[in-house]
Amino acid sequence: MGFDHDGRLPAAHAEARAIYELLLASAPQTGLTPNLLLAGDATEARLRELAPAAGLLHLATHGVFRQDNPLFSALRLADGWLTLADVERMDLRGAWSR
């Protein structure tokens, strides 16, 4: 996923594309089928839809750390902020545990 936060993070889309290309090139070895979601497609709904089967997630976006309450630390997506509390409720059963 790549979301440039309305132009505030100009390299986010390029970073997401670069990771996508690396994953695509290594797909025969890893068995991963990469998806690229940029700009308005980089939403929490799409992340929730794809995450259960994803072996690896890479989000190139703006993030904030909340020292006063780390569960409200968040990543910016096209449709709002994805907090750590949101991630804890996400189905990540396909994620690699290495």
PDB file of N, CA and C in Angstrom:
ATOM      1  N   MET A   1       0.833  -1.185   0.000  1.00  0.00           N
ATOM      2  CA  MET A   1       0.000   0.000   0.000  1.00  0.00           C
ATOM      3  C   MET A   1       0.869   1.236   0.000  1.00  0.00           C
ATOM      4  N   GLY A   2       0.429   2.231  -0.699  1.00  0.00           N
ATOM      5  CA  GLY A   2       1.106   3.513  -0.687  1.00  0.00           C
ATOM      6  C   GLY A   2       0.095   4.637  -0.639  1.00  0.00           C
ATOM      7  N   PHE A   3       0.223   5.484   0.354  1.00  0.00           N
ATOM      8  CA  PHE A   3      -0.644   6.652   0.469  1.00  0.00           C
ATOM      9  C   PHE A   3       0.219   7.850   0.817  1.00  0.00           C
ATOM     10  N   ASP A   4       0.168   8.873  -0.026  1.00  0.00           N
ATOM     11  CA  ASP A   4       1.066  10.022   0.144  1.00  0.00           C
ATOM     12  C   ASP A   4       0.495  11.134   1.019  1.00  0.00           C
ATOM     13  N   HIS A   5      -0.620  10.874   1.679  1.00  0.00           N
ATOM     14  CA  HIS A   5      -1.244  11.831   2.611  1.00  0.00           C
ATOM     15  C   HIS A   5      -1.411  13.184   1.935  1.00  0.00           C
ATOM     16  N   ASP A   6      -2.103  13.148   0.802  1.00  0.00           N
ATOM     17  CA  ASP A   6      -2.409  14.359   0.040  1.00  0.00           C
ATOM     18  C   ASP A   6      -1.154  15.136  -0.358  1.00  0.00           C
ATOM     19  N   GLY A   7      -0.129  14.401  -0.785  1.00  0.00           N
ATOM     20  CA  GLY A   7       1.113  15.006  -1.253  1.00  0.00           C
ATOM     21  C   GLY A   7       2.138  15.303  -0.175  1.00  0.00           C
ATOM     22  N   ARG A   8       1.816  15.050   1.081  1.00  0.00           N
ATOM     23  CA  ARG A   8       2.746  15.358   2.169  1.00  0.00           C
ATOM     24  C   ARG A   8       3.882  14.344   2.291  1.00  0.00           C
ATOM     25  N   LEU A   9       3.718  13.195   1.655  1.00  0.00           N
ATOM     26  CA  LEU A   9       4.738  12.149   1.692  1.00  0.00           C
ATOM     27  C   LEU A   9       4.992  11.713   0.242  1.00  0.00           C
ATOM     28  N   PRO A  10       5.707  12.540  -0.524  1.00  0.00           N
ATOM     29  CA  PRO A  10       5.795  12.350  -1.967  1.00  0.00           C
ATOM     30  C   PRO A  10       6.422  11.036  -2.422  1.00  0.00           C
ATOM     31  N   ALA A  11       7.239  10.401  -1.643  1.00  0.00           N
ATOM     32  CA  ALA A  11       7.895   9.167  -2.073  1.00  0.00           C
ATOM     33  C   ALA A  11       7.097   7.903  -1.731  1.00  0.00           C
ATOM     34  N   ALA A  12       5.960   8.048  -1.090  1.00  0.00           N
ATOM     35  CA  ALA A  12       5.211   6.871  -0.646  1.00  0.00           C
ATOM     36  C   ALA A  12       4.777   5.979  -1.809  1.00  0.00           C
ATOM     37  N   HIS A  13       4.286   6.566  -2.881  1.00  0.00           N
ATOM     38  CA  HIS A  13       3.836   5.756  -4.019  1.00  0.00           C
ATOM     39  C   HIS A  13       5.011   5.058  -4.686  1.00  0.00           C
ATOM     40  N   ALA A  14       6.133   5.758  -4.833  1.00  0.00           N
ATOM     41  CA  ALA A  14       7.327   5.154  -5.443  1.00  0.00           C
ATOM     42  C   ALA A  14       7.846   4.010  -4.568  1.00  0.00           C
ATOM     43  N   GLU A  15       7.834   4.197  -3.264  1.00  0.00           N
ATOM     44  CA  GLU A  15       8.274   3.140  -2.353  1.00  0.00           C
ATOM     45  C   GLU A  15       7.377   1.909  -2.479  1.00  0.00           C
ATOM     46  N   ALA A  16       6.084   2.129  -2.491  1.00  0.00           N
ATOM     47  CA  ALA A  16       5.143   1.006  -2.597  1.00  0.00           C
ATOM     48  C   ALA A  16       5.332   0.281  -3.931  1.00  0.00           C
ATOM     49  N   ARG A  17       5.526   1.028  -5.009  1.00  0.00           N
ATOM     50  CA  ARG A  17       5.752   0.408  -6.324  1.00  0.00           C
ATOM     51  C   ARG A  17       7.046  -0.407  -6.322  1.00  0.00           C
ATOM     52  N   ALA A  18       8.100   0.125  -5.709  1.00  0.00           N
ATOM     53  CA  ALA A  18       9.389  -0.579  -5.663  1.00  0.00           C
ATOM     54  C   ALA A  18       9.260  -1.897  -4.895  1.00  0.00           C
ATOM     55  N   ILE A  19       8.573  -1.876  -3.765  1.00  0.00           N
ATOM     56  CA  ILE A  19       8.366  -3.098  -2.987  1.00  0.00           C
ATOM     57  C   ILE A  19       7.525  -4.087  -3.793  1.00  0.00           C
ATOM     58  N   TYR A  20       6.486  -3.582  -4.454  1.00  0.00           N
ATOM     59  CA  TYR A  20       5.641  -4.432  -5.298  1.00  0.00           C
ATOM     60  C   TYR A  20       6.478  -5.126  -6.380  1.00  0.00           C
ATOM     61  N   GLU A  21       7.340  -4.374  -7.049  1.00  0.00           N
ATOM     62  CA  GLU A  21       8.180  -4.945  -8.110  1.00  0.00           C
ATOM     63  C   GLU A  21       9.121  -6.010  -7.554  1.00  0.00           C
ATOM     64  N   LEU A  22       9.699  -5.771  -6.383  1.00  0.00           N
ATOM     65  CA  LEU A  22      10.566  -6.779  -5.754  1.00  0.00           C
ATOM     66  C   LEU A  22       9.791  -8.047  -5.425  1.00  0.00           C
ATOM     67  N   LEU A  23       8.600  -7.877  -4.866  1.00  0.00           N
ATOM     68  CA  LEU A  23       7.781  -9.033  -4.520  1.00  0.00           C
ATOM     69  C   LEU A  23       7.317  -9.776  -5.769  1.00  0.00           C
ATOM     70  N   LEU A  24       6.995  -9.042  -6.812  1.00  0.00           N
ATOM     71  CA  LEU A  24       6.570  -9.655  -8.060  1.00  0.00           C
ATOM     72  C   LEU A  24       7.716 -10.482  -8.654  1.00  0.00           C
ATOM     73  N   ALA A  25       8.920  -9.934  -8.643  1.00  0.00           N
ATOM     74  CA  ALA A  25      10.078 -10.638  -9.191  1.00  0.00           C
ATOM     75  C   ALA A  25      10.425 -11.894  -8.385  1.00  0.00           C
ATOM     76  N   SER A  26      10.166 -11.859  -7.082  1.00  0.00           N
ATOM     77  CA  SER A  26      10.509 -13.009  -6.237  1.00  0.00           C
ATOM     78  C   SER A  26       9.343 -13.971  -6.036  1.00  0.00           C
ATOM     79  N   ALA A  27       8.212 -13.716  -6.670  1.00  0.00           N
ATOM     80  CA  ALA A  27       7.019 -14.553  -6.489  1.00  0.00           C
ATOM     81  C   ALA A  27       7.266 -16.031  -6.764  1.00  0.00           C
ATOM     82  N   PRO A  28       8.042 -16.395  -7.802  1.00  0.00           N
ATOM     83  CA  PRO A  28       8.270 -17.828  -8.019  1.00  0.00           C
ATOM     84  C   PRO A  28       8.979 -18.513  -6.842  1.00  0.00           C
ATOM     85  N   GLN A  29       9.822 -17.783  -6.147  1.00  0.00           N
ATOM     86  CA  GLN A  29      10.540 -18.357  -5.004  1.00  0.00           C
ATOM     87  C   GLN A  29       9.734 -18.296  -3.710  1.00  0.00           C
ATOM     88  N   THR A  30       8.974 -17.243  -3.534  1.00  0.00           N
ATOM     89  CA  THR A  30       8.277 -17.037  -2.261  1.00  0.00           C
ATOM     90  C   THR A  30       6.854 -17.572  -2.250  1.00  0.00           C
ATOM     91  N   GLY A  31       6.252 -17.682  -3.417  1.00  0.00           N
ATOM     92  CA  GLY A  31       4.847 -18.082  -3.492  1.00  0.00           C
ATOM     93  C   GLY A  31       3.879 -16.949  -3.184  1.00  0.00           C
ATOM     94  N   LEU A  32       4.394 -15.746  -2.990  1.00  0.00           N
ATOM     95  CA  LEU A  32       3.534 -14.591  -2.715  1.00  0.00           C
ATOM     96  C   LEU A  32       2.961 -14.031  -4.010  1.00  0.00           C
ATOM     97  N   THR A  33       1.725 -13.609  -3.970  1.00  0.00           N
ATOM     98  CA  THR A  33       1.104 -12.918  -5.091  1.00  0.00           C
ATOM     99  C   THR A  33       0.868 -11.478  -4.645  1.00  0.00           C
ATOM    100  N   PRO A  34       1.721 -10.556  -5.082  1.00  0.00           N
ATOM    101  CA  PRO A  34       1.609  -9.186  -4.574  1.00  0.00           C
ATOM    102  C   PRO A  34       0.422  -8.425  -5.141  1.00  0.00           C
ATOM    103  N   ASN A  35      -0.079  -7.507  -4.338  1.00  0.00           N
ATOM    104  CA  ASN A  35      -1.116  -6.554  -4.727  1.00  0.00           C
ATOM    105  C   ASN A  35      -0.562  -5.162  -4.483  1.00  0.00           C
ATOM    106  N   LEU A  36      -0.889  -4.226  -5.338  1.00  0.00           N
ATOM    107  CA  LEU A  36      -0.447  -2.848  -5.175  1.00  0.00           C
ATOM    108  C   LEU A  36      -1.671  -1.959  -5.045  1.00  0.00           C
ATOM    109  N   LEU A  37      -1.778  -1.285  -3.930  1.00  0.00           N
ATOM    110  CA  LEU A  37      -2.887  -0.364  -3.672  1.00  0.00           C
ATOM    111  C   LEU A  37      -2.298   1.013  -3.416  1.00  0.00           C
ATOM    112  N   LEU A  38      -2.651   1.959  -4.267  1.00  0.00           N
ATOM    113  CA  LEU A  38      -2.122   3.314  -4.160  1.00  0.00           C
ATOM    114  C   LEU A  38      -3.241   4.327  -4.020  1.00  0.00           C
ATOM    115  N   ALA A  39      -2.897   5.445  -3.408  1.00  0.00           N
ATOM    116  CA  ALA A  39      -3.791   6.608  -3.315  1.00  0.00           C
ATOM    117  C   ALA A  39      -5.144   6.212  -2.740  1.00  0.00           C
ATOM    118  N   GLY A  40      -6.225   6.473  -3.458  1.00  0.00           N
ATOM    119  CA  GLY A  40      -7.571   6.220  -2.962  1.00  0.00           C
ATOM    120  C   GLY A  40      -7.903   4.752  -2.739  1.00  0.00           C
ATOM    121  N   ASP A  41      -7.096   3.846  -3.287  1.00  0.00           N
ATOM    122  CA  ASP A  41      -7.314   2.411  -3.073  1.00  0.00           C
ATOM    123  C   ASP A  41      -6.678   1.919  -1.773  1.00  0.00           C
ATOM    124  N   ALA A  42      -5.840   2.724  -1.165  1.00  0.00           N
ATOM    125  CA  ALA A  42      -5.146   2.332   0.072  1.00  0.00           C
ATOM    126  C   ALA A  42      -6.041   2.628   1.278  1.00  0.00           C
ATOM    127  N   THR A  43      -7.086   1.821   1.428  1.00  0.00           N
ATOM    128  CA  THR A  43      -8.073   2.045   2.483  1.00  0.00           C
ATOM    129  C   THR A  43      -8.025   0.933   3.524  1.00  0.00           C
ATOM    130  N   GLU A  44      -8.588   1.226   4.675  1.00  0.00           N
ATOM    131  CA  GLU A  44      -8.675   0.213   5.727  1.00  0.00           C
ATOM    132  C   GLU A  44      -9.541  -0.960   5.265  1.00  0.00           C
ATOM    133  N   ALA A  45     -10.602  -0.684   4.532  1.00  0.00           N
ATOM    134  CA  ALA A  45     -11.478  -1.755   4.047  1.00  0.00           C
ATOM    135  C   ALA A  45     -10.714  -2.716   3.142  1.00  0.00           C
ATOM    136  N   ARG A  46      -9.921  -2.180   2.223  1.00  0.00           N
ATOM    137  CA  ARG A  46      -9.135  -3.048   1.326  1.00  0.00           C
ATOM    138  C   ARG A  46      -8.066  -3.796   2.101  1.00  0.00           C
ATOM    139  N   LEU A  47      -7.452  -3.143   3.070  1.00  0.00           N
ATOM    140  CA  LEU A  47      -6.454  -3.810   3.897  1.00  0.00           C
ATOM    141  C   LEU A  47      -7.085  -4.967   4.656  1.00  0.00           C
ATOM    142  N   ARG A  48      -8.225  -4.733   5.260  1.00  0.00           N
ATOM    143  CA  ARG A  48      -8.929  -5.806   5.986  1.00  0.00           C
ATOM    144  C   ARG A  48      -9.333  -6.940   5.054  1.00  0.00           C
ATOM    145  N   GLU A  49      -9.702  -6.604   3.833  1.00  0.00           N
ATOM    146  CA  GLU A  49     -10.106  -7.617   2.851  1.00  0.00           C
ATOM    147  C   GLU A  49      -8.928  -8.512   2.451  1.00  0.00           C
ATOM    148  N   LEU A  50      -7.764  -7.912   2.228  1.00  0.00           N
ATOM    149  CA  LEU A  50      -6.612  -8.647   1.719  1.00  0.00           C
ATOM    150  C   LEU A  50      -5.699  -9.221   2.805  1.00  0.00           C
ATOM    151  N   ALA A  51      -5.710  -8.648   3.991  1.00  0.00           N
ATOM    152  CA  ALA A  51      -4.763  -9.038   5.040  1.00  0.00           C
ATOM    153  C   ALA A  51      -4.819 -10.511   5.454  1.00  0.00           C
ATOM    154  N   PRO A  52      -5.979 -11.130   5.582  1.00  0.00           N
ATOM    155  CA  PRO A  52      -5.989 -12.518   6.052  1.00  0.00           C
ATOM    156  C   PRO A  52      -5.177 -13.482   5.183  1.00  0.00           C
ATOM    157  N   ALA A  53      -5.095 -13.220   3.896  1.00  0.00           N
ATOM    158  CA  ALA A  53      -4.354 -14.103   3.001  1.00  0.00           C
ATOM    159  C   ALA A  53      -2.946 -13.588   2.695  1.00  0.00           C
ATOM    160  N   ALA A  54      -2.606 -12.429   3.225  1.00  0.00           N
ATOM    161  CA  ALA A  54      -1.312 -11.817   2.907  1.00  0.00           C
ATOM    162  C   ALA A  54      -0.202 -12.439   3.740  1.00  0.00           C
ATOM    163  N   GLY A  55       0.850 -12.872   3.067  1.00  0.00           N
ATOM    164  CA  GLY A  55       2.012 -13.370   3.782  1.00  0.00           C
ATOM    165  C   GLY A  55       2.880 -12.230   4.291  1.00  0.00           C
ATOM    166  N   LEU A  56       2.729 -11.070   3.673  1.00  0.00           N
ATOM    167  CA  LEU A  56       3.566  -9.918   3.994  1.00  0.00           C
ATOM    168  C   LEU A  56       2.767  -8.656   3.693  1.00  0.00           C
ATOM    169  N   LEU A  57       2.838  -7.687   4.577  1.00  0.00           N
ATOM    170  CA  LEU A  57       2.195  -6.391   4.359  1.00  0.00           C
ATOM    171  C   LEU A  57       3.255  -5.307   4.408  1.00  0.00           C
ATOM    172  N   HIS A  58       3.183  -4.372   3.477  1.00  0.00           N
ATOM    173  CA  HIS A  58       4.074  -3.213   3.495  1.00  0.00           C
ATOM    174  C   HIS A  58       3.212  -1.989   3.272  1.00  0.00           C
ATOM    175  N   LEU A  59       3.244  -1.072   4.214  1.00  0.00           N
ATOM    176  CA  LEU A  59       2.459   0.155   4.113  1.00  0.00           C
ATOM    177  C   LEU A  59       3.409   1.337   4.074  1.00  0.00           C
ATOM    178  N   ALA A  60       3.441   2.005   2.937  1.00  0.00           N
ATOM    179  CA  ALA A  60       4.256   3.208   2.765  1.00  0.00           C
ATOM    180  C   ALA A  60       3.317   4.390   2.959  1.00  0.00           C
ATOM    181  N   THR A  61       3.340   4.964   4.135  1.00  0.00           N
ATOM    182  CA  THR A  61       2.413   6.033   4.468  1.00  0.00           C
ATOM    183  C   THR A  61       2.934   6.805   5.673  1.00  0.00           C
ATOM    184  N   HIS A  62       2.239   7.840   6.025  1.00  0.00           N
ATOM    185  CA  HIS A  62       2.591   8.657   7.180  1.00  0.00           C
ATOM    186  C   HIS A  62       2.135   7.954   8.458  1.00  0.00           C
ATOM    187  N   GLY A  63       2.943   8.033   9.480  1.00  0.00           N
ATOM    188  CA  GLY A  63       2.576   7.449  10.767  1.00  0.00           C
ATOM    189  C   GLY A  63       2.826   8.424  11.900  1.00  0.00           C
ATOM    190  N   VAL A  64       2.103   8.239  12.976  1.00  0.00           N
ATOM    191  CA  VAL A  64       2.305   9.036  14.182  1.00  0.00           C
ATOM    192  C   VAL A  64       2.392   8.095  15.375  1.00  0.00           C
ATOM    193  N   PHE A  65       3.293   8.420  16.283  1.00  0.00           N
ATOM    194  CA  PHE A  65       3.422   7.657  17.524  1.00  0.00           C
ATOM    195  C   PHE A  65       2.850   8.493  18.657  1.00  0.00           C
ATOM    196  N   ARG A  66       1.960   7.888  19.410  1.00  0.00           N
ATOM    197  CA  ARG A  66       1.347   8.569  20.554  1.00  0.00           C
ATOM    198  C   ARG A  66       1.976   8.019  21.833  1.00  0.00           C
ATOM    199  N   GLN A  67       2.946   8.749  22.354  1.00  0.00           N
ATOM    200  CA  GLN A  67       3.622   8.322  23.570  1.00  0.00           C
ATOM    201  C   GLN A  67       2.659   8.282  24.755  1.00  0.00           C
ATOM    202  N   ASP A  68       1.683   9.179  24.768  1.00  0.00           N
ATOM    203  CA  ASP A  68       0.724   9.228  25.869  1.00  0.00           C
ATOM    204  C   ASP A  68      -0.224   8.026  25.856  1.00  0.00           C
ATOM    205  N   ASN A  69      -0.474   7.457  24.662  1.00  0.00           N
ATOM    206  CA  ASN A  69      -1.339   6.289  24.551  1.00  0.00           C
ATOM    207  C   ASN A  69      -0.969   5.539  23.274  1.00  0.00           C
ATOM    208  N   PRO A  70       0.003   4.614  23.342  1.00  0.00           N
ATOM    209  CA  PRO A  70       0.496   3.939  22.144  1.00  0.00           C
ATOM    210  C   PRO A  70      -0.573   3.229  21.318  1.00  0.00           C
ATOM    211  N   LEU A  71      -1.680   2.820  21.922  1.00  0.00           N
ATOM    212  CA  LEU A  71      -2.734   2.168  21.141  1.00  0.00           C
ATOM    213  C   LEU A  71      -3.369   3.113  20.128  1.00  0.00           C
ATOM    214  N   PHE A  72      -3.176   4.413  20.306  1.00  0.00           N
ATOM    215  CA  PHE A  72      -3.683   5.392  19.354  1.00  0.00           C
ATOM    216  C   PHE A  72      -2.614   5.855  18.370  1.00  0.00           C
ATOM    217  N   SER A  73      -1.426   5.242  18.419  1.00  0.00           N
ATOM    218  CA  SER A  73      -0.453   5.456  17.354  1.00  0.00           C
ATOM    219  C   SER A  73      -1.113   4.965  16.075  1.00  0.00           C
ATOM    220  N   ALA A  74      -0.808   5.605  14.938  1.00  0.00           N
ATOM    221  CA  ALA A  74      -1.598   5.293  13.747  1.00  0.00           C
ATOM    222  C   ALA A  74      -0.815   5.498  12.460  1.00  0.00           C
ATOM    223  N   LEU A  75      -1.338   4.850  11.410  1.00  0.00           N
ATOM    224  CA  LEU A  75      -0.865   5.024  10.038  1.00  0.00           C
ATOM    225  C   LEU A  75      -1.984   5.667   9.244  1.00  0.00           C
ATOM    226  N   ARG A  76      -1.624   6.600   8.366  1.00  0.00           N
ATOM    227  CA  ARG A  76      -2.622   7.320   7.569  1.00  0.00           C
ATOM    228  C   ARG A  76      -2.951   6.536   6.314  1.00  0.00           C
ATOM    229  N   LEU A  77      -4.213   6.234   6.128  1.00  0.00           N
ATOM    230  CA  LEU A  77      -4.706   5.594   4.915  1.00  0.00           C
ATOM    231  C   LEU A  77      -5.664   6.559   4.203  1.00  0.00           C
ATOM    232  N   ALA A  78      -6.097   6.195   3.030  1.00  0.00           N
ATOM    233  CA  ALA A  78      -6.936   7.091   2.227  1.00  0.00           C
ATOM    234  C   ALA A  78      -8.246   7.443   2.918  1.00  0.00           C
ATOM    235  N   ASP A  79      -8.753   6.530   3.742  1.00  0.00           N
ATOM    236  CA  ASP A  79     -10.047   6.769   4.387  1.00  0.00           C
ATOM    237  C   ASP A  79      -9.932   7.104   5.875  1.00  0.00           C
ATOM    238  N   GLY A  80      -8.740   7.434   6.335  1.00  0.00           N
ATOM    239  CA  GLY A  80      -8.578   7.826   7.742  1.00  0.00           C
ATOM    240  C   GLY A  80      -7.344   7.200   8.371  1.00  0.00           C
ATOM    241  N   TRP A  81      -7.313   7.242   9.675  1.00  0.00           N
ATOM    242  CA  TRP A  81      -6.175   6.741  10.437  1.00  0.00           C
ATOM    243  C   TRP A  81      -6.419   5.308  10.888  1.00  0.00           C
ATOM    244  N   LEU A  82      -5.428   4.443  10.707  1.00  0.00           N
ATOM    245  CA  LEU A  82      -5.456   3.061  11.165  1.00  0.00           C
ATOM    246  C   LEU A  82      -4.628   2.997  12.437  1.00  0.00           C
ATOM    247  N   THR A  83      -5.280   2.823  13.573  1.00  0.00           N
ATOM    248  CA  THR A  83      -4.573   2.819  14.852  1.00  0.00           C
ATOM    249  C   THR A  83      -4.050   1.429  15.189  1.00  0.00           C
ATOM    250  N   LEU A  84      -3.149   1.382  16.154  1.00  0.00           N
ATOM    251  CA  LEU A  84      -2.667   0.097  16.638  1.00  0.00           C
ATOM    252  C   LEU A  84      -3.830  -0.723  17.184  1.00  0.00           C
ATOM    253  N   ALA A  85      -4.773  -0.080  17.826  1.00  0.00           N
ATOM    254  CA  ALA A  85      -5.959  -0.786  18.327  1.00  0.00           C
ATOM    255  C   ALA A  85      -6.725  -1.421  17.171  1.00  0.00           C
ATOM    256  N   ASP A  86      -6.818  -0.736  16.024  1.00  0.00           N
ATOM    257  CA  ASP A  86      -7.467  -1.300  14.836  1.00  0.00           C
ATOM    258  C   ASP A  86      -6.700  -2.519  14.327  1.00  0.00           C
ATOM    259  N   VAL A  87      -5.386  -2.401  14.297  1.00  0.00           N
ATOM    260  CA  VAL A  87      -4.540  -3.502  13.809  1.00  0.00           C
ATOM    261  C   VAL A  87      -4.679  -4.726  14.707  1.00  0.00           C
ATOM    262  N   GLU A  88      -4.774  -4.500  16.006  1.00  0.00           N
ATOM    263  CA  GLU A  88      -4.928  -5.627  16.933  1.00  0.00           C
ATOM    264  C   GLU A  88      -6.203  -6.417  16.660  1.00  0.00           C
ATOM    265  N   ARG A  89      -7.212  -5.777  16.119  1.00  0.00           N
ATOM    266  CA  ARG A  89      -8.481  -6.450  15.798  1.00  0.00           C
ATOM    267  C   ARG A  89      -8.507  -6.996  14.373  1.00  0.00           C
ATOM    268  N   MET A  90      -7.433  -6.817  13.641  1.00  0.00           N
ATOM    269  CA  MET A  90      -7.376  -7.244  12.245  1.00  0.00           C
ATOM    270  C   MET A  90      -7.005  -8.731  12.146  1.00  0.00           C
ATOM    271  N   ASP A  91      -7.581  -9.422  11.174  1.00  0.00           N
ATOM    272  CA  ASP A  91      -7.264 -10.825  10.915  1.00  0.00           C
ATOM    273  C   ASP A  91      -5.960 -10.881  10.120  1.00  0.00           C
ATOM    274  N   LEU A  92      -4.902 -11.302  10.787  1.00  0.00           N
ATOM    275  CA  LEU A  92      -3.583 -11.385  10.156  1.00  0.00           C
ATOM    276  C   LEU A  92      -3.078 -12.824  10.129  1.00  0.00           C
ATOM    277  N   ARG A  93      -3.975 -13.778  10.030  1.00  0.00           N
ATOM    278  CA  ARG A  93      -3.583 -15.183  10.115  1.00  0.00           C
ATOM    279  C   ARG A  93      -2.605 -15.606   9.027  1.00  0.00           C
ATOM    280  N   GLY A  94      -2.580 -14.919   7.894  1.00  0.00           N
ATOM    281  CA  GLY A  94      -1.662 -15.289   6.816  1.00  0.00           C
ATOM    282  C   GLY A  94      -0.283 -14.669   6.945  1.00  0.00           C
ATOM    283  N   ALA A  95      -0.114 -13.771   7.890  1.00  0.00           N
ATOM    284  CA  ALA A  95       1.180 -13.069   8.020  1.00  0.00           C
ATOM    285  C   ALA A  95       2.285 -14.026   8.433  1.00  0.00           C
ATOM    286  N   TRP A  96       3.436 -13.815   7.853  1.00  0.00           N
ATOM    287  CA  TRP A  96       4.594 -14.622   8.220  1.00  0.00           C
ATOM    288  C   TRP A  96       4.996 -14.303   9.634  1.00  0.00           C
ATOM    289  N   SER A  97       5.405 -15.289  10.373  1.00  0.00           N
ATOM    290  CA  SER A  97       5.923 -15.046  11.733  1.00  0.00           C
ATOM    291  C   SER A  97       7.381 -15.466  11.768  1.00  0.00           C
ATOM    292  N   ARG A  98       8.211 -14.557  11.304  1.00  0.00           N
ATOM    293  CA  ARG A  98       9.655 -14.825  11.267  1.00  0.00           C
ATOM    294  C   ARG A  98      10.361 -13.837  12.140  1.00  0.00           C
TER     295      ARG A  98
END
